[in-house]
Amino acid sequence: MKTTYRLPLIQRTRLSLTLVGALVAVLAMSGCSFVQKQTSNAWSVSYEVTVVGEELNRLDAVSYLEAPSRGEDSSSVDAGTVATSNLADDPGKAVWSATAMVTATQDSQVTATPGPGTTASCRILLDGTREIASETAARGEAVTCTATTPEFPTRD
């Protein structure tokens, strides 16, 4: 005859409650970080590179920072060689732009290399209007704009 040992009912109840409590705590902690990331403040960042000079139709080695999703750190997007668009009001200039999401207080950056004999300038704009960085490079040299996005204003 086989003898089995069973814990008394009170011990089984305590063990079950402890396991359920631990599971709830783990789920709550992981869920809170998920919710926090989904509600983190993020900026709509516009990257602009303007070229003036001999070769206006393209930029090489273009890269910029973008957050994969809200609350995430920015990571580099390698756009490679991109086409520029001529400005209607100034045919001697062309521009390339991209819009990305960047979590508040994280870095934003754009880098591009113009063709020989061409000067490149860059700007970083928050929500398409507020400039937080601008640079102009020497003719034929890569241009880089870098800025840390600000915190969101608090609402009182």
Foldseek 3Di string as FASTA:
>chain_A
DDDDDDDPPVVVVVVVVVVVVVVVVVVVVVVVVVVCQQPFDKWWKKKKKKKAFDDAFKWAQKKKWAAPGGPGATDIDGPGMDTWAADPVDNRMTMDMDIHIHGAQHKIKIKIFDAAGMKMKMWMATPPPRTDWIDIDDGRGMDMTMDGHHHDDDDD
